[in-house]
Amino acid sequence: MGNARLMIAEVTTPEAQQQGLMGVEQLPEGMDGMLFTFEEAQPVSFTMRNTLLPLDIWWFDGDGVLLGSTEMEPCPETPCPTYPSLGPVRWALETVQGEHEFAAGDRLSTG
C-alpha cells in the first residue's frame, strides 16, 4: 500500500474474527487496525453489531491487491446492516474511518 507501514492485529480464527473490534472504544496506542486473514479468497461480509468505532474496511484479493474499501458505521441495536466484500477476498483490513487512504490496486505486504 505504497510505502505505508501499519501496526495491525491479525485475526485468523473464526472466534477472533467474529469478535473483531466489538466493544472497543479506541484502538490501543500505536495500533492502526485489525487484519482479517482467510485461508482462501472468498466472498465475505461484515457487520458492525456492538462496534463502537466508525471503520473503513479495505478489501484485498488473493494476490494482496486492494479492490477498494467500504465505510462502516457503528450499530448499537439489531438488526444491523451487513457490508459485503467487493468480490472474493483473502484479507480485510479494518481501520478507524478516515485515518488512512489507499488506492485500488495498492498491494498488501505482511511481515
N, C-alpha and C. Protein backbone atom coordinates (compact mmCIF):
# COMPACT_ATOMS: atom_id res chain seq x y z
N MET A 1 0.85 -1.15 0.00
CA MET A 1 0.00 0.00 0.00
C MET A 1 0.89 1.21 0.00
N GLY A 2 1.49 1.38 -1.15
CA GLY A 2 2.51 2.40 -1.23
C GLY A 2 3.63 1.99 -0.30
N ASN A 3 4.16 2.92 0.42
CA ASN A 3 5.18 2.61 1.42
C ASN A 3 4.65 2.75 2.83
N ALA A 4 3.34 2.79 2.98
CA ALA A 4 2.74 2.92 4.31
C ALA A 4 3.03 1.67 5.13
N ARG A 5 3.44 1.87 6.37
CA ARG A 5 3.66 0.77 7.31
C ARG A 5 2.66 0.94 8.45
N LEU A 6 1.88 -0.10 8.66
CA LEU A 6 0.86 -0.05 9.69
C LEU A 6 1.15 -1.09 10.76
N MET A 7 0.78 -0.77 11.98
CA MET A 7 0.82 -1.74 13.07
C MET A 7 -0.60 -2.27 13.22
N ILE A 8 -0.76 -3.57 12.99
CA ILE A 8 -2.10 -4.15 12.99
C ILE A 8 -2.13 -5.41 13.85
N ALA A 9 -3.32 -5.76 14.30
CA ALA A 9 -3.55 -7.04 14.95
C ALA A 9 -4.13 -7.95 13.88
N GLU A 10 -3.55 -9.13 13.70
CA GLU A 10 -4.05 -10.08 12.71
C GLU A 10 -4.93 -11.11 13.40
N VAL A 11 -6.10 -11.35 12.85
CA VAL A 11 -7.01 -12.36 13.39
C VAL A 11 -7.28 -13.41 12.31
N THR A 12 -7.10 -14.67 12.70
CA THR A 12 -7.22 -15.75 11.73
C THR A 12 -8.24 -16.81 12.14
N THR A 13 -8.58 -16.88 13.43
CA THR A 13 -9.54 -17.90 13.87
C THR A 13 -10.96 -17.38 13.73
N PRO A 14 -11.91 -18.26 13.47
CA PRO A 14 -13.31 -17.82 13.36
C PRO A 14 -13.80 -17.07 14.60
N GLU A 15 -13.38 -17.52 15.78
CA GLU A 15 -13.82 -16.86 17.02
C GLU A 15 -13.29 -15.43 17.10
N ALA A 16 -12.01 -15.25 16.83
CA ALA A 16 -11.41 -13.91 16.87
C ALA A 16 -12.00 -13.03 15.78
N GLN A 17 -12.26 -13.61 14.61
CA GLN A 17 -12.85 -12.83 13.52
C GLN A 17 -14.26 -12.39 13.88
N GLN A 18 -15.02 -13.25 14.55
CA GLN A 18 -16.37 -12.88 14.92
C GLN A 18 -16.36 -11.76 15.97
N GLN A 19 -15.39 -11.78 16.88
CA GLN A 19 -15.27 -10.74 17.92
C GLN A 19 -14.82 -9.42 17.31
N GLY A 20 -13.80 -9.48 16.42
CA GLY A 20 -13.30 -8.27 15.77
C GLY A 20 -13.06 -7.13 16.74
N LEU A 21 -13.57 -5.96 16.42
CA LEU A 21 -13.40 -4.78 17.26
C LEU A 21 -14.66 -4.45 18.06
N MET A 22 -15.52 -5.46 18.27
CA MET A 22 -16.73 -5.23 19.07
C MET A 22 -16.36 -4.74 20.46
N GLY A 23 -17.03 -3.69 20.90
CA GLY A 23 -16.84 -3.18 22.25
C GLY A 23 -15.60 -2.33 22.46
N VAL A 24 -14.78 -2.17 21.44
CA VAL A 24 -13.54 -1.38 21.56
C VAL A 24 -13.88 0.10 21.39
N GLU A 25 -13.51 0.92 22.39
CA GLU A 25 -13.80 2.35 22.33
C GLU A 25 -12.74 3.13 21.57
N GLN A 26 -11.51 2.64 21.58
CA GLN A 26 -10.44 3.23 20.78
C GLN A 26 -9.35 2.19 20.62
N LEU A 27 -8.61 2.29 19.52
CA LEU A 27 -7.52 1.35 19.30
C LEU A 27 -6.40 1.63 20.29
N PRO A 28 -5.68 0.60 20.72
CA PRO A 28 -4.54 0.82 21.60
C PRO A 28 -3.51 1.74 20.96
N GLU A 29 -2.77 2.46 21.77
CA GLU A 29 -1.73 3.38 21.29
C GLU A 29 -0.81 2.66 20.30
N GLY A 30 -0.62 3.27 19.16
CA GLY A 30 0.28 2.73 18.14
C GLY A 30 -0.34 1.70 17.21
N MET A 31 -1.57 1.27 17.47
CA MET A 31 -2.22 0.29 16.60
C MET A 31 -3.05 1.01 15.55
N ASP A 32 -2.91 0.56 14.30
CA ASP A 32 -3.63 1.18 13.19
C ASP A 32 -4.91 0.46 12.79
N GLY A 33 -5.03 -0.82 13.15
CA GLY A 33 -6.22 -1.54 12.74
C GLY A 33 -6.12 -3.03 12.99
N MET A 34 -7.06 -3.76 12.35
CA MET A 34 -7.15 -5.20 12.51
C MET A 34 -7.24 -5.83 11.12
N LEU A 35 -6.42 -6.86 10.90
CA LEU A 35 -6.38 -7.55 9.62
C LEU A 35 -7.03 -8.92 9.77
N PHE A 36 -8.06 -9.17 9.00
CA PHE A 36 -8.74 -10.46 8.97
C PHE A 36 -8.15 -11.27 7.82
N THR A 37 -7.63 -12.44 8.13
CA THR A 37 -7.00 -13.30 7.13
C THR A 37 -7.84 -14.56 6.96
N PHE A 38 -8.17 -14.87 5.72
CA PHE A 38 -8.96 -16.06 5.39
C PHE A 38 -8.07 -17.06 4.65
N GLU A 39 -8.35 -18.35 4.82
CA GLU A 39 -7.50 -19.39 4.22
C GLU A 39 -7.44 -19.30 2.71
N GLU A 40 -8.52 -18.89 2.10
CA GLU A 40 -8.55 -18.72 0.64
C GLU A 40 -9.45 -17.54 0.31
N ALA A 41 -9.28 -17.00 -0.88
CA ALA A 41 -10.11 -15.87 -1.31
C ALA A 41 -11.56 -16.33 -1.42
N GLN A 42 -12.45 -15.56 -0.84
CA GLN A 42 -13.86 -15.90 -0.83
C GLN A 42 -14.69 -14.65 -0.58
N PRO A 43 -15.95 -14.64 -1.00
CA PRO A 43 -16.82 -13.53 -0.64
C PRO A 43 -17.08 -13.58 0.88
N VAL A 44 -17.00 -12.44 1.53
CA VAL A 44 -17.27 -12.35 2.97
C VAL A 44 -18.14 -11.13 3.22
N SER A 45 -18.72 -11.06 4.40
CA SER A 45 -19.45 -9.86 4.78
C SER A 45 -19.21 -9.61 6.26
N PHE A 46 -19.30 -8.35 6.63
CA PHE A 46 -19.06 -7.91 7.99
C PHE A 46 -20.29 -7.17 8.49
N THR A 47 -20.44 -7.14 9.80
CA THR A 47 -21.48 -6.34 10.42
C THR A 47 -20.82 -5.51 11.52
N MET A 48 -21.47 -4.46 11.92
CA MET A 48 -20.92 -3.58 12.94
C MET A 48 -21.69 -3.70 14.26
N ARG A 49 -22.35 -4.83 14.47
CA ARG A 49 -23.09 -5.05 15.71
C ARG A 49 -22.18 -4.87 16.92
N ASN A 50 -22.58 -4.00 17.83
CA ASN A 50 -21.84 -3.72 19.06
C ASN A 50 -20.43 -3.17 18.82
N THR A 51 -20.19 -2.64 17.64
CA THR A 51 -18.91 -1.99 17.34
C THR A 51 -19.10 -0.50 17.55
N LEU A 52 -18.20 0.10 18.32
CA LEU A 52 -18.37 1.48 18.76
C LEU A 52 -17.69 2.51 17.86
N LEU A 53 -16.70 2.08 17.09
CA LEU A 53 -15.92 2.99 16.24
C LEU A 53 -16.41 2.93 14.79
N PRO A 54 -16.57 4.06 14.11
CA PRO A 54 -16.81 4.01 12.67
C PRO A 54 -15.52 3.53 11.99
N LEU A 55 -15.66 2.59 11.08
CA LEU A 55 -14.49 1.96 10.47
C LEU A 55 -14.53 2.04 8.95
N ASP A 56 -13.34 2.02 8.36
CA ASP A 56 -13.16 1.74 6.94
C ASP A 56 -12.72 0.30 6.85
N ILE A 57 -13.25 -0.43 5.88
CA ILE A 57 -12.75 -1.78 5.65
C ILE A 57 -12.19 -1.83 4.24
N TRP A 58 -10.97 -2.35 4.14
CA TRP A 58 -10.22 -2.40 2.89
C TRP A 58 -10.18 -3.85 2.44
N TRP A 59 -10.61 -4.12 1.20
CA TRP A 59 -10.77 -5.48 0.68
C TRP A 59 -9.60 -5.85 -0.23
N PHE A 60 -8.91 -6.95 0.08
CA PHE A 60 -7.75 -7.41 -0.69
C PHE A 60 -8.01 -8.79 -1.28
N ASP A 61 -7.72 -8.94 -2.56
CA ASP A 61 -7.95 -10.22 -3.23
C ASP A 61 -6.88 -11.25 -2.86
N GLY A 62 -6.90 -12.40 -3.51
CA GLY A 62 -5.98 -13.49 -3.21
C GLY A 62 -4.53 -13.18 -3.48
N ASP A 63 -4.26 -12.16 -4.28
CA ASP A 63 -2.89 -11.74 -4.57
C ASP A 63 -2.45 -10.56 -3.70
N GLY A 64 -3.32 -10.13 -2.79
CA GLY A 64 -3.00 -8.99 -1.93
C GLY A 64 -3.23 -7.65 -2.57
N VAL A 65 -3.96 -7.62 -3.68
CA VAL A 65 -4.25 -6.36 -4.38
C VAL A 65 -5.54 -5.76 -3.82
N LEU A 66 -5.49 -4.47 -3.51
CA LEU A 66 -6.65 -3.77 -2.95
C LEU A 66 -7.73 -3.61 -4.02
N LEU A 67 -8.92 -4.14 -3.70
CA LEU A 67 -10.06 -3.99 -4.60
C LEU A 67 -10.79 -2.68 -4.37
N GLY A 68 -10.77 -2.20 -3.14
CA GLY A 68 -11.48 -0.98 -2.77
C GLY A 68 -11.81 -1.02 -1.29
N SER A 69 -12.66 -0.10 -0.87
CA SER A 69 -13.00 -0.02 0.55
C SER A 69 -14.48 0.29 0.74
N THR A 70 -14.93 0.13 1.96
CA THR A 70 -16.30 0.42 2.34
C THR A 70 -16.27 1.13 3.70
N GLU A 71 -17.07 2.18 3.85
CA GLU A 71 -17.22 2.83 5.16
C GLU A 71 -18.30 2.08 5.92
N MET A 72 -18.02 1.78 7.19
CA MET A 72 -18.96 1.05 8.03
C MET A 72 -19.27 1.89 9.27
N GLU A 73 -20.54 1.95 9.64
CA GLU A 73 -20.98 2.76 10.77
C GLU A 73 -21.36 1.88 11.95
N PRO A 74 -21.11 2.36 13.19
CA PRO A 74 -21.50 1.60 14.38
C PRO A 74 -22.99 1.26 14.36
N CYS A 75 -23.30 0.11 14.96
CA CYS A 75 -24.69 -0.33 15.02
C CYS A 75 -24.97 -0.85 16.43
N PRO A 76 -25.57 -0.01 17.28
CA PRO A 76 -25.81 -0.42 18.66
C PRO A 76 -27.00 -1.36 18.84
N GLU A 77 -27.91 -1.42 17.88
CA GLU A 77 -29.11 -2.24 18.01
C GLU A 77 -29.30 -3.10 16.77
N THR A 78 -29.89 -4.27 16.95
CA THR A 78 -30.17 -5.13 15.80
C THR A 78 -31.54 -4.78 15.25
N PRO A 79 -31.79 -4.99 13.99
CA PRO A 79 -30.87 -5.59 13.02
C PRO A 79 -29.83 -4.58 12.53
N CYS A 80 -28.67 -5.08 12.22
CA CYS A 80 -27.59 -4.25 11.70
C CYS A 80 -27.37 -4.57 10.23
N PRO A 81 -26.97 -3.58 9.44
CA PRO A 81 -26.67 -3.86 8.04
C PRO A 81 -25.42 -4.74 7.92
N THR A 82 -25.32 -5.43 6.82
CA THR A 82 -24.10 -6.18 6.52
C THR A 82 -23.36 -5.45 5.41
N TYR A 83 -22.06 -5.62 5.41
CA TYR A 83 -21.19 -4.96 4.43
C TYR A 83 -20.46 -6.06 3.67
N PRO A 84 -20.94 -6.40 2.45
CA PRO A 84 -20.30 -7.47 1.69
C PRO A 84 -19.00 -7.00 1.03
N SER A 85 -18.08 -7.94 0.87
CA SER A 85 -16.82 -7.64 0.19
C SER A 85 -17.11 -7.30 -1.27
N LEU A 86 -16.14 -6.67 -1.90
CA LEU A 86 -16.27 -6.24 -3.29
C LEU A 86 -15.94 -7.36 -4.27
N GLY A 87 -15.89 -8.57 -3.80
CA GLY A 87 -15.55 -9.75 -4.57
C GLY A 87 -14.88 -10.73 -3.63
N PRO A 88 -14.34 -11.84 -4.16
CA PRO A 88 -13.62 -12.76 -3.29
C PRO A 88 -12.38 -12.08 -2.70
N VAL A 89 -12.21 -12.19 -1.39
CA VAL A 89 -11.07 -11.57 -0.72
C VAL A 89 -10.33 -12.59 0.14
N ARG A 90 -9.05 -12.37 0.30
CA ARG A 90 -8.22 -13.19 1.21
C ARG A 90 -7.94 -12.42 2.49
N TRP A 91 -7.97 -11.08 2.40
CA TRP A 91 -7.72 -10.22 3.56
C TRP A 91 -8.72 -9.07 3.58
N ALA A 92 -9.08 -8.68 4.80
CA ALA A 92 -9.90 -7.49 5.03
C ALA A 92 -9.24 -6.72 6.16
N LEU A 93 -8.95 -5.46 5.92
CA LEU A 93 -8.28 -4.62 6.91
C LEU A 93 -9.25 -3.56 7.41
N GLU A 94 -9.50 -3.56 8.73
CA GLU A 94 -10.33 -2.53 9.35
C GLU A 94 -9.43 -1.46 9.96
N THR A 95 -9.72 -0.20 9.63
CA THR A 95 -9.03 0.93 10.22
C THR A 95 -10.09 1.95 10.66
N VAL A 96 -9.72 2.83 11.58
CA VAL A 96 -10.65 3.87 12.01
C VAL A 96 -10.99 4.73 10.80
N GLN A 97 -12.26 5.00 10.64
CA GLN A 97 -12.75 5.73 9.47
C GLN A 97 -12.00 7.05 9.27
N GLY A 98 -11.49 7.25 8.05
CA GLY A 98 -10.84 8.48 7.66
C GLY A 98 -9.38 8.63 8.05
N GLU A 99 -8.80 7.66 8.77
CA GLU A 99 -7.42 7.80 9.23
C GLU A 99 -6.38 7.39 8.19
N HIS A 100 -6.78 6.58 7.20
CA HIS A 100 -5.82 6.13 6.18
C HIS A 100 -6.47 6.25 4.81
N GLU A 101 -5.64 6.40 3.82
CA GLU A 101 -6.13 6.49 2.45
C GLU A 101 -5.24 5.63 1.56
N PHE A 102 -5.86 4.67 0.90
CA PHE A 102 -5.15 3.80 -0.03
C PHE A 102 -5.91 3.82 -1.35
N ALA A 103 -5.27 3.38 -2.41
CA ALA A 103 -5.89 3.41 -3.74
C ALA A 103 -6.07 1.99 -4.26
N ALA A 104 -7.18 1.77 -4.97
CA ALA A 104 -7.40 0.47 -5.62
C ALA A 104 -6.15 0.12 -6.42
N GLY A 105 -5.73 -1.13 -6.29
CA GLY A 105 -4.50 -1.57 -6.96
C GLY A 105 -3.30 -1.59 -6.05
N ASP A 106 -3.37 -0.87 -4.91
CA ASP A 106 -2.27 -0.97 -3.93
C ASP A 106 -2.15 -2.41 -3.49
N ARG A 107 -0.97 -2.80 -3.04
CA ARG A 107 -0.71 -4.18 -2.66
C ARG A 107 -0.41 -4.29 -1.18
N LEU A 108 -1.00 -5.31 -0.55
CA LEU A 108 -0.78 -5.62 0.86
C LEU A 108 0.48 -6.46 0.98
N SER A 109 1.31 -6.09 1.94
CA SER A 109 2.52 -6.85 2.25
C SER A 109 2.56 -7.03 3.75
N THR A 110 2.70 -8.26 4.22
CA THR A 110 2.76 -8.52 5.65
C THR A 110 4.16 -8.95 6.01
N GLY A 111 4.48 -8.76 7.27
CA GLY A 111 5.79 -9.24 7.73
C GLY A 111 6.67 -8.13 8.21
